[in-house]
PDB file of N, CA and C in Angstrom:
ATOM      1  N   MET A   1       0.896  -0.920   0.154  1.00  0.00           N
ATOM      2  CA  MET A   1      -0.261   0.004   0.124  1.00  0.00           C
ATOM      3  C   MET A   1       0.854   1.110  -0.050  1.00  0.00           C
ATOM      4  N   ALA A   2       0.510   2.247  -0.875  1.00  0.00           N
ATOM      5  CA  ALA A   2       1.202   3.357  -0.965  1.00  0.00           C
ATOM      6  C   ALA A   2       0.802   4.336  -0.197  1.00  0.00           C
ATOM      7  N   ARG A   3       1.856   4.839   0.685  1.00  0.00           N
ATOM      8  CA  ARG A   3       1.773   6.009   1.615  1.00  0.00           C
ATOM      9  C   ARG A   3       1.357   7.810   0.896  1.00  0.00           C
ATOM     10  N   THR A   4       0.681   8.028   1.479  1.00  0.00           N
ATOM     11  CA  THR A   4       0.107   8.991   0.920  1.00  0.00           C
ATOM     12  C   THR A   4       0.331  10.236   1.452  1.00  0.00           C
ATOM     13  N   ASN A   5       0.457  11.750   1.020  1.00  0.00           N
ATOM     14  CA  ASN A   5       1.215  12.978   1.939  1.00  0.00           C
ATOM     15  C   ASN A   5       0.216  13.325   2.779  1.00  0.00           C
ATOM     16  N   ALA A   6      -0.855  12.508   3.341  1.00  0.00           N
ATOM     17  CA  ALA A   6      -1.931  12.582   4.364  1.00  0.00           C
ATOM     18  C   ALA A   6      -0.778  11.770   5.719  1.00  0.00           C
ATOM     19  N   ASP A   7      -0.077  10.873   5.487  1.00  0.00           N
ATOM     20  CA  ASP A   7       0.321  10.198   6.431  1.00  0.00           C
ATOM     21  C   ASP A   7       1.648  10.752   6.936  1.00  0.00           C
ATOM     22  N   PRO A   8       1.614  10.690   8.464  1.00  0.00           N
ATOM     23  CA  PRO A   8       2.662  11.545   9.069  1.00  0.00           C
ATOM     24  C   PRO A   8       4.031  10.684   8.221  1.00  0.00           C
ATOM     25  N   ILE A   9       3.915   9.162   8.614  1.00  0.00           N
ATOM     26  CA  ILE A   9       5.209   8.508   8.351  1.00  0.00           C
ATOM     27  C   ILE A   9       5.890   8.669   6.898  1.00  0.00           C
ATOM     28  N   HIS A  10       4.686   8.786   5.826  1.00  0.00           N
ATOM     29  CA  HIS A  10       5.394   9.519   4.694  1.00  0.00           C
ATOM     30  C   HIS A  10       6.490  10.492   4.384  1.00  0.00           C
ATOM     31  N   HIS A  11       6.416  11.474   5.884  1.00  0.00           N
ATOM     32  CA  HIS A  11       7.353  12.926   6.022  1.00  0.00           C
ATOM     33  C   HIS A  11       8.430  12.211   6.765  1.00  0.00           C
ATOM     34  N   THR A  12       8.372  11.460   7.450  1.00  0.00           N
ATOM     35  CA  THR A  12       9.133  11.445   8.773  1.00  0.00           C
ATOM     36  C   THR A  12       9.979  10.370   7.919  1.00  0.00           C
ATOM     37  N   GLN A  13       9.315   9.357   7.418  1.00  0.00           N
ATOM     38  CA  GLN A  13      10.517   8.739   6.392  1.00  0.00           C
ATOM     39  C   GLN A  13      11.301   9.506   5.574  1.00  0.00           C
ATOM     40  N   LYS A  14      10.878  10.731   4.735  1.00  0.00           N
ATOM     41  CA  LYS A  14      11.242  10.993   4.048  1.00  0.00           C
ATOM     42  C   LYS A  14      12.459  12.284   4.513  1.00  0.00           C
ATOM     43  N   MET A  15      12.166  13.084   5.907  1.00  0.00           N
ATOM     44  CA  MET A  15      12.679  13.879   6.263  1.00  0.00           C
ATOM     45  C   MET A  15      14.195  12.939   7.048  1.00  0.00           C
ATOM     46  N   LYS A  16      14.017  11.625   7.343  1.00  0.00           N
ATOM     47  CA  LYS A  16      14.680  10.642   7.921  1.00  0.00           C
ATOM     48  C   LYS A  16      15.899  10.651   6.788  1.00  0.00           C
ATOM     49  N   GLY A  17      15.400  10.340   5.298  1.00  0.00           N
ATOM     50  CA  GLY A  17      16.348  10.267   3.983  1.00  0.00           C
ATOM     51  C   GLY A  17      17.199  11.592   3.982  1.00  0.00           C
ATOM     52  N   GLU A  18      16.583  12.372   4.398  1.00  0.00           N
ATOM     53  CA  GLU A  18      17.118  14.015   3.879  1.00  0.00           C
ATOM     54  C   GLU A  18      18.377  13.845   5.271  1.00  0.00           C
ATOM     55  N   LEU A  19      17.687  13.462   6.535  1.00  0.00           N
ATOM     56  CA  LEU A  19      18.754  14.159   7.680  1.00  0.00           C
ATOM     57  C   LEU A  19      20.043  12.956   7.267  1.00  0.00           C
ATOM     58  N   ASN A  20      19.544  11.534   7.136  1.00  0.00           N
ATOM     59  CA  ASN A  20      21.246  10.595   6.866  1.00  0.00           C
ATOM     60  C   ASN A  20      21.747  11.072   5.925  1.00  0.00           C
ATOM     61  N   THR A  21      21.245  11.930   4.537  1.00  0.00           N
ATOM     62  CA  THR A  21      22.330  12.078   3.532  1.00  0.00           C
ATOM     63  C   THR A  21      22.883  13.039   4.449  1.00  0.00           C
ATOM     64  N   LEU A  22      22.761  14.675   4.714  1.00  0.00           N
ATOM     65  CA  LEU A  22      23.403  15.602   5.699  1.00  0.00           C
ATOM     66  C   LEU A  22      24.241  14.790   6.813  1.00  0.00           C
ATOM     67  N   ILE A  23      23.965  13.767   7.364  1.00  0.00           N
ATOM     68  CA  ILE A  23      24.801  13.423   8.228  1.00  0.00           C
ATOM     69  C   ILE A  23      25.818  12.633   7.737  1.00  0.00           C
ATOM     70  N   ASP A  24      25.587  11.722   6.677  1.00  0.00           N
ATOM     71  CA  ASP A  24      26.871  11.018   5.673  1.00  0.00           C
ATOM     72  C   ASP A  24      27.801  12.361   5.427  1.00  0.00           C
ATOM     73  N   HIS A  25      26.983  13.566   4.893  1.00  0.00           N
ATOM     74  CA  HIS A  25      28.107  14.373   4.100  1.00  0.00           C
ATOM     75  C   HIS A  25      28.897  15.342   5.389  1.00  0.00           C
ATOM     76  N   LEU A  26      28.487  15.316   6.577  1.00  0.00           N
ATOM     77  CA  LEU A  26      29.082  15.965   7.658  1.00  0.00           C
ATOM     78  C   LEU A  26      29.932  14.992   7.639  1.00  0.00           C
ATOM     79  N   ARG A  27      30.073  13.662   8.195  1.00  0.00           N
ATOM     80  CA  ARG A  27      31.112  12.929   8.828  1.00  0.00           C
ATOM     81  C   ARG A  27      32.569  12.681   7.376  1.00  0.00           C
ATOM     82  N   GLU A  28      31.846  12.788   6.398  1.00  0.00           N
ATOM     83  CA  GLU A  28      32.870  12.727   4.982  1.00  0.00           C
ATOM     84  C   GLU A  28      33.349  13.987   5.237  1.00  0.00           C
ATOM     85  N   ASP A  29      33.146  15.397   5.670  1.00  0.00           N
ATOM     86  CA  ASP A  29      33.840  16.138   5.488  1.00  0.00           C
ATOM     87  C   ASP A  29      34.586  16.548   6.612  1.00  0.00           C
ATOM     88  N   VAL A  30      34.501  15.524   7.901  1.00  0.00           N
ATOM     89  CA  VAL A  30      35.820  15.633   8.809  1.00  0.00           C
ATOM     90  C   VAL A  30      37.046  15.221   8.471  1.00  0.00           C
ATOM     91  N   THR A  31      36.800  14.159   7.534  1.00  0.00           N
ATOM     92  CA  THR A  31      37.929  13.809   6.861  1.00  0.00           C
ATOM     93  C   THR A  31      39.061  14.527   5.831  1.00  0.00           C
ATOM     94  N   LYS A  32      38.227  15.796   5.601  1.00  0.00           N
ATOM     95  CA  LYS A  32      38.717  16.521   4.347  1.00  0.00           C
ATOM     96  C   LYS A  32      39.345  17.956   4.913  1.00  0.00           C
ATOM     97  N   ILE A  33      39.094  18.216   6.411  1.00  0.00           N
ATOM     98  CA  ILE A  33      39.549  19.514   6.910  1.00  0.00           C
ATOM     99  C   ILE A  33      40.653  19.013   8.395  1.00  0.00           C
ATOM    100  N   ASP A  34      41.755  19.184   8.257  1.00  0.00           N
ATOM    101  CA  ASP A  34      42.507  19.134   9.280  1.00  0.00           C
ATOM    102  C   ASP A  34      43.139  20.377  10.311  1.00  0.00           C
ATOM    103  N   ASP A  35      41.369  20.628  11.263  1.00  0.00           N
ATOM    104  CA  ASP A  35      41.019  21.270  12.000  1.00  0.00           C
ATOM    105  C   ASP A  35      40.332  21.215  13.037  1.00  0.00           C
ATOM    106  N   PRO A  36      40.916  20.961  14.505  1.00  0.00           N
ATOM    107  CA  PRO A  36      39.873  20.257  15.557  1.00  0.00           C
ATOM    108  C   PRO A  36      38.597  20.838  15.737  1.00  0.00           C
ATOM    109  N   GLN A  37      38.526  21.858  15.818  1.00  0.00           N
ATOM    110  CA  GLN A  37      37.532  22.636  15.914  1.00  0.00           C
ATOM    111  C   GLN A  37      36.487  22.586  14.910  1.00  0.00           C
ATOM    112  N   PHE A  38      36.880  22.422  13.897  1.00  0.00           N
ATOM    113  CA  PHE A  38      36.072  21.980  12.075  1.00  0.00           C
ATOM    114  C   PHE A  38      35.482  20.585  12.754  1.00  0.00           C
ATOM    115  N   LYS A  39      36.513  19.950  12.914  1.00  0.00           N
ATOM    116  CA  LYS A  39      36.107  18.287  13.079  1.00  0.00           C
ATOM    117  C   LYS A  39      34.825  18.253  14.346  1.00  0.00           C
ATOM    118  N   ALA A  40      35.220  18.560  15.575  1.00  0.00           N
ATOM    119  CA  ALA A  40      34.228  19.008  16.357  1.00  0.00           C
ATOM    120  C   ALA A  40      32.781  19.399  16.133  1.00  0.00           C
ATOM    121  N   LEU A  41      32.545  20.375  15.329  1.00  0.00           N
ATOM    122  CA  LEU A  41      31.719  21.043  15.243  1.00  0.00           C
ATOM    123  C   LEU A  41      30.893  20.133  13.962  1.00  0.00           C
ATOM    124  N   PHE A  42      31.406  19.602  12.970  1.00  0.00           N
ATOM    125  CA  PHE A  42      30.598  18.797  12.100  1.00  0.00           C
ATOM    126  C   PHE A  42      30.258  17.054  13.114  1.00  0.00           C
ATOM    127  N   GLU A  43      31.353  16.817  13.945  1.00  0.00           N
ATOM    128  CA  GLU A  43      30.967  15.245  14.017  1.00  0.00           C
ATOM    129  C   GLU A  43      29.818  15.717  15.565  1.00  0.00           C
ATOM    130  N   THR A  44      29.895  16.768  15.835  1.00  0.00           N
ATOM    131  CA  THR A  44      28.521  16.746  16.919  1.00  0.00           C
ATOM    132  C   THR A  44      27.466  17.268  16.049  1.00  0.00           C
ATOM    133  N   SER A  45      27.212  17.998  15.130  1.00  0.00           N
ATOM    134  CA  SER A  45      26.178  18.166  14.060  1.00  0.00           C
ATOM    135  C   SER A  45      25.492  16.695  13.481  1.00  0.00           C
ATOM    136  N   ALA A  46      26.685  16.036  13.208  1.00  0.00           N
ATOM    137  CA  ALA A  46      25.916  14.931  12.985  1.00  0.00           C
ATOM    138  C   ALA A  46      25.297  13.834  14.125  1.00  0.00           C
ATOM    139  N   GLU A  47      25.868  14.153  15.287  1.00  0.00           N
ATOM    140  CA  GLU A  47      25.309  13.262  16.496  1.00  0.00           C
ATOM    141  C   GLU A  47      24.085  14.064  16.828  1.00  0.00           C
ATOM    142  N   VAL A  48      23.907  15.056  16.693  1.00  0.00           N
ATOM    143  CA  VAL A  48      22.728  15.949  16.602  1.00  0.00           C
ATOM    144  C   VAL A  48      21.422  15.608  16.095  1.00  0.00           C
ATOM    145  N   LEU A  49      21.776  14.941  14.624  1.00  0.00           N
ATOM    146  CA  LEU A  49      20.910  15.047  13.920  1.00  0.00           C
ATOM    147  C   LEU A  49      20.624  13.796  13.670  1.00  0.00           C
ATOM    148  N   GLY A  50      21.631  12.855  14.246  1.00  0.00           N
ATOM    149  CA  GLY A  50      20.876  10.968  14.441  1.00  0.00           C
ATOM    150  C   GLY A  50      20.311  11.321  15.753  1.00  0.00           C
ATOM    151  N   GLY A  51      20.352  11.892  16.723  1.00  0.00           N
ATOM    152  CA  GLY A  51      19.267  12.162  17.461  1.00  0.00           C
ATOM    153  C   GLY A  51      17.557  12.252  16.715  1.00  0.00           C
ATOM    154  N   LEU A  52      17.787  13.223  16.229  1.00  0.00           N
ATOM    155  CA  LEU A  52      16.704  14.017  15.470  1.00  0.00           C
ATOM    156  C   LEU A  52      15.922  12.540  14.553  1.00  0.00           C
ATOM    157  N   VAL A  53      16.996  11.731  13.840  1.00  0.00           N
ATOM    158  CA  VAL A  53      16.590  10.486  13.103  1.00  0.00           C
ATOM    159  C   VAL A  53      15.558   9.538  14.228  1.00  0.00           C
ATOM    160  N   LYS A  54      16.616   9.641  15.276  1.00  0.00           N
ATOM    161  CA  LYS A  54      16.286   8.267  16.151  1.00  0.00           C
ATOM    162  C   LYS A  54      14.708   8.661  17.030  1.00  0.00           C
ATOM    163  N   ALA A  55      14.529   9.997  16.934  1.00  0.00           N
ATOM    164  CA  ALA A  55      13.308  10.233  17.406  1.00  0.00           C
ATOM    165  C   ALA A  55      12.291  10.429  16.487  1.00  0.00           C
ATOM    166  N   PHE A  56      12.263  10.556  15.019  1.00  0.00           N
ATOM    167  CA  PHE A  56      11.359  10.111  13.903  1.00  0.00           C
ATOM    168  C   PHE A  56      11.139   8.839  14.243  1.00  0.00           C
ATOM    169  N   THR A  57      12.175   7.663  14.349  1.00  0.00           N
ATOM    170  CA  THR A  57      12.161   6.409  14.427  1.00  0.00           C
ATOM    171  C   THR A  57      11.094   6.000  15.368  1.00  0.00           C
ATOM    172  N   HIS A  58      11.006   6.257  16.654  1.00  0.00           N
ATOM    173  CA  HIS A  58      10.322   6.551  17.676  1.00  0.00           C
ATOM    174  C   HIS A  58       8.630   6.665  17.378  1.00  0.00           C
ATOM    175  N   PHE A  59       9.030   7.914  16.761  1.00  0.00           N
ATOM    176  CA  PHE A  59       7.252   8.312  16.632  1.00  0.00           C
ATOM    177  C   PHE A  59       6.708   7.454  15.517  1.00  0.00           C
ATOM    178  N   GLU A  60       7.142   7.169  14.516  1.00  0.00           N
ATOM    179  CA  GLU A  60       6.495   5.938  13.708  1.00  0.00           C
ATOM    180  C   GLU A  60       6.462   4.468  14.367  1.00  0.00           C
ATOM    181  N   ARG A  61       7.330   4.240  15.241  1.00  0.00           N
ATOM    182  CA  ARG A  61       6.725   3.215  16.210  1.00  0.00           C
ATOM    183  C   ARG A  61       5.856   3.297  17.205  1.00  0.00           C
ATOM    184  N   LYS A  62       5.436   4.563  17.319  1.00  0.00           N
ATOM    185  CA  LYS A  62       4.121   4.715  18.497  1.00  0.00           C
ATOM    186  C   LYS A  62       4.769   4.942  19.577  1.00  0.00           C
ATOM    187  N   SER A  63       6.105   4.767  19.998  1.00  0.00           N
ATOM    188  CA  SER A  63       7.240   4.567  21.171  1.00  0.00           C
ATOM    189  C   SER A  63       7.435   5.954  22.210  1.00  0.00           C
ATOM    190  N   GLU A  64       6.341   5.423  23.106  1.00  0.00           N
ATOM    191  CA  GLU A  64       6.546   6.671  24.216  1.00  0.00           C
ATOM    192  C   GLU A  64       8.549   6.810  24.345  1.00  0.00           C
ATOM    193  N   ALA A  65       9.244   6.438  24.071  1.00  0.00           N
ATOM    194  CA  ALA A  65      10.702   6.745  24.362  1.00  0.00           C
ATOM    195  C   ALA A  65      10.522   8.523  23.640  1.00  0.00           C
ATOM    196  N   ALA A  66      10.005   8.407  22.890  1.00  0.00           N
ATOM    197  CA  ALA A  66      10.308   9.822  21.920  1.00  0.00           C
ATOM    198  C   ALA A  66      10.038  10.971  22.669  1.00  0.00           C
ATOM    199  N   TRP A  67       9.151  10.581  24.066  1.00  0.00           N
ATOM    200  CA  TRP A  67       8.375  12.085  24.421  1.00  0.00           C
ATOM    201  C   TRP A  67       8.972  11.928  25.849  1.00  0.00           C
ATOM    202  N   ARG A  68       9.845  11.097  26.413  1.00  0.00           N
ATOM    203  CA  ARG A  68      10.365  11.272  27.460  1.00  0.00           C
ATOM    204  C   ARG A  68      11.668  12.095  27.605  1.00  0.00           C
ATOM    205  N   ARG A  69      11.695  12.804  28.850  1.00  0.00           N
ATOM    206  CA  ARG A  69      12.767  13.628  28.927  1.00  0.00           C
ATOM    207  C   ARG A  69      13.961  12.761  29.733  1.00  0.00           C
TER     208      ARG A  69
END
């Protein structure tokens, strides 16, 4: 069954794909520049975006873990 634009899972899956592409790009760029602050910034950014991907996955699974503090 195809997912429609009214289905929130369609949107979370699309955003997860976009975020994962960005995460991969950030991690790839870390290998290109030899500056510790740059590396820390890009690695931290990749980790933060990874947290968003995880939150979207929890939402898709209707997991309460996505809403705990």
